[in-house]
Amino acid sequence: MDINEYIRRKNKGRTSSPEEVIKKYAGMDESQLMNELFKVAAEGRASGELNNDVVDGFYNKMLPLLTPEQAERMRELILQLKQ
């Protein structure tokens, strides 16, 4: 399963538009975003839908879009998600 499949399952088959996603997260500060990330990741792990391969796949898809600083920060987050 890749990250897109995980998101579709999380949304029960409904795909969110980019505008919906932006609206949902735009008002959150970094701390709130991190809390949401770890909450969703824990739910995904508990349901068996999220695993290290999915997390690695997401990281690898995002990597070309990131600055070196962003890539390092995301790598740190990925390591935390894998614990």
C-alpha atoms as a PDB file:
ATOM      1  CA  MET A   1       0.000   0.000   0.000  1.00  0.00           C
ATOM      2  CA  ASP A   2       1.258   3.474  -0.766  1.00  0.00           C
ATOM      3  CA  ILE A   3       0.464   6.718   1.019  1.00  0.00           C
ATOM      4  CA  ASN A   4      -2.344   7.615  -1.410  1.00  0.00           C
ATOM      5  CA  GLU A   5      -4.076   4.306  -0.745  1.00  0.00           C
ATOM      6  CA  TYR A   6      -3.704   4.843   2.993  1.00  0.00           C
ATOM      7  CA  ILE A   7      -5.277   8.305   2.706  1.00  0.00           C
ATOM      8  CA  ARG A   8      -8.166   6.930   0.631  1.00  0.00           C
ATOM      9  CA  ARG A   9      -8.820   4.239   3.230  1.00  0.00           C
ATOM     10  CA  LYS A  10      -8.523   6.751   6.064  1.00  0.00           C
ATOM     11  CA  ASN A  11     -11.139   8.884   4.326  1.00  0.00           C
ATOM     12  CA  LYS A  12     -13.300   5.792   3.681  1.00  0.00           C
ATOM     13  CA  GLY A  13     -12.831   6.026  -0.069  1.00  0.00           C
ATOM     14  CA  ARG A  14     -13.443   9.765  -0.235  1.00  0.00           C
ATOM     15  CA  THR A  15     -10.524  11.727  -1.562  1.00  0.00           C
ATOM     16  CA  SER A  16      -9.980  15.200  -0.177  1.00  0.00           C
ATOM     17  CA  SER A  17      -9.318  18.006  -2.582  1.00  0.00           C
ATOM     18  CA  PRO A  18      -6.136  20.009  -2.064  1.00  0.00           C
ATOM     19  CA  GLU A  19      -8.323  22.936  -1.005  1.00  0.00           C
ATOM     20  CA  GLU A  20      -9.996  20.824   1.698  1.00  0.00           C
ATOM     21  CA  VAL A  21      -6.649  19.669   3.037  1.00  0.00           C
ATOM     22  CA  ILE A  22      -5.252  23.195   3.062  1.00  0.00           C
ATOM     23  CA  LYS A  23      -8.346  24.494   4.827  1.00  0.00           C
ATOM     24  CA  LYS A  24      -8.136  21.757   7.454  1.00  0.00           C
ATOM     25  CA  TYR A  25      -4.488  22.357   8.341  1.00  0.00           C
ATOM     26  CA  ALA A  26      -3.898  26.033   7.450  1.00  0.00           C
ATOM     27  CA  GLY A  27      -4.781  27.398  10.866  1.00  0.00           C
ATOM     28  CA  MET A  28      -2.621  24.947  12.802  1.00  0.00           C
ATOM     29  CA  ASP A  29       0.759  25.834  14.229  1.00  0.00           C
ATOM     30  CA  GLU A  30       3.678  23.388  14.066  1.00  0.00           C
ATOM     31  CA  SER A  31       2.846  21.806  17.400  1.00  0.00           C
ATOM     32  CA  GLN A  32      -0.753  21.169  16.368  1.00  0.00           C
ATOM     33  CA  LEU A  33       0.374  19.731  13.031  1.00  0.00           C
ATOM     34  CA  MET A  34       2.806  17.375  14.746  1.00  0.00           C
ATOM     35  CA  ASN A  35       0.120  16.241  17.184  1.00  0.00           C
ATOM     36  CA  GLU A  36      -2.232  15.544  14.272  1.00  0.00           C
ATOM     37  CA  LEU A  37       0.491  13.678  12.377  1.00  0.00           C
ATOM     38  CA  PHE A  38       1.297  11.386  15.300  1.00  0.00           C
ATOM     39  CA  LYS A  39      -2.389  10.871  16.123  1.00  0.00           C
ATOM     40  CA  VAL A  40      -3.201   9.815  12.555  1.00  0.00           C
ATOM     41  CA  ALA A  41      -0.075   7.649  12.389  1.00  0.00           C
ATOM     42  CA  ALA A  42      -1.018   5.870  15.633  1.00  0.00           C
ATOM     43  CA  GLU A  43      -4.513   5.212  14.298  1.00  0.00           C
ATOM     44  CA  GLY A  44      -3.059   3.854  11.063  1.00  0.00           C
ATOM     45  CA  ARG A  45      -0.630   1.581  12.872  1.00  0.00           C
ATOM     46  CA  ALA A  46      -3.381   0.317  15.184  1.00  0.00           C
ATOM     47  CA  SER A  47      -5.580  -0.544  12.215  1.00  0.00           C
ATOM     48  CA  GLY A  48      -2.664  -2.216  10.421  1.00  0.00           C
ATOM     49  CA  GLU A  49      -2.893   0.128   7.449  1.00  0.00           C
ATOM     50  CA  LEU A  50       0.218   2.157   8.185  1.00  0.00           C
ATOM     51  CA  ASN A  51       3.619   0.512   8.388  1.00  0.00           C
ATOM     52  CA  ASN A  52       7.245   1.454   7.849  1.00  0.00           C
ATOM     53  CA  ASP A  53       7.054   0.704   4.115  1.00  0.00           C
ATOM     54  CA  VAL A  54       4.202   3.196   3.684  1.00  0.00           C
ATOM     55  CA  VAL A  55       6.079   5.800   5.731  1.00  0.00           C
ATOM     56  CA  ASP A  56       9.261   5.256   3.687  1.00  0.00           C
ATOM     57  CA  GLY A  57       7.286   5.472   0.456  1.00  0.00           C
ATOM     58  CA  PHE A  58       5.819   8.801   1.491  1.00  0.00           C
ATOM     59  CA  TYR A  59       9.244  10.137   2.421  1.00  0.00           C
ATOM     60  CA  ASN A  60      10.733   9.017  -0.892  1.00  0.00           C
ATOM     61  CA  LYS A  61       7.908  10.659  -2.859  1.00  0.00           C
ATOM     62  CA  MET A  62       8.292  13.932  -0.988  1.00  0.00           C
ATOM     63  CA  LEU A  63      12.100  14.061  -0.984  1.00  0.00           C
ATOM     64  CA  PRO A  64      12.536  15.655  -4.442  1.00  0.00           C
ATOM     65  CA  LEU A  65      10.191  18.498  -3.444  1.00  0.00           C
ATOM     66  CA  LEU A  66      12.062  19.447  -0.278  1.00  0.00           C
ATOM     67  CA  THR A  67      14.978  21.702   0.476  1.00  0.00           C
ATOM     68  CA  PRO A  68      17.899  20.009   2.253  1.00  0.00           C
ATOM     69  CA  GLU A  69      16.703  21.492   5.558  1.00  0.00           C
ATOM     70  CA  GLN A  70      13.147  20.282   5.019  1.00  0.00           C
ATOM     71  CA  ALA A  71      14.414  16.839   4.004  1.00  0.00           C
ATOM     72  CA  GLU A  72      16.427  16.580   7.216  1.00  0.00           C
ATOM     73  CA  ARG A  73      13.441  17.638   9.340  1.00  0.00           C
ATOM     74  CA  MET A  74      11.201  15.153   7.555  1.00  0.00           C
ATOM     75  CA  ARG A  75      13.801  12.404   8.034  1.00  0.00           C
ATOM     76  CA  GLU A  76      13.742  13.130  11.773  1.00  0.00           C
ATOM     77  CA  LEU A  77       9.945  12.910  11.788  1.00  0.00           C
ATOM     78  CA  ILE A  78      10.010   9.668   9.810  1.00  0.00           C
ATOM     79  CA  LEU A  79      12.358   8.150  12.377  1.00  0.00           C
ATOM     80  CA  GLN A  80       9.954   9.175  15.153  1.00  0.00           C
ATOM     81  CA  LEU A  81       7.008   7.712  13.247  1.00  0.00           C
ATOM     82  CA  LYS A  82       8.822   4.396  12.944  1.00  0.00           C
ATOM     83  CA  GLN A  83       9.272   4.019  16.704  1.00  0.00           C
END
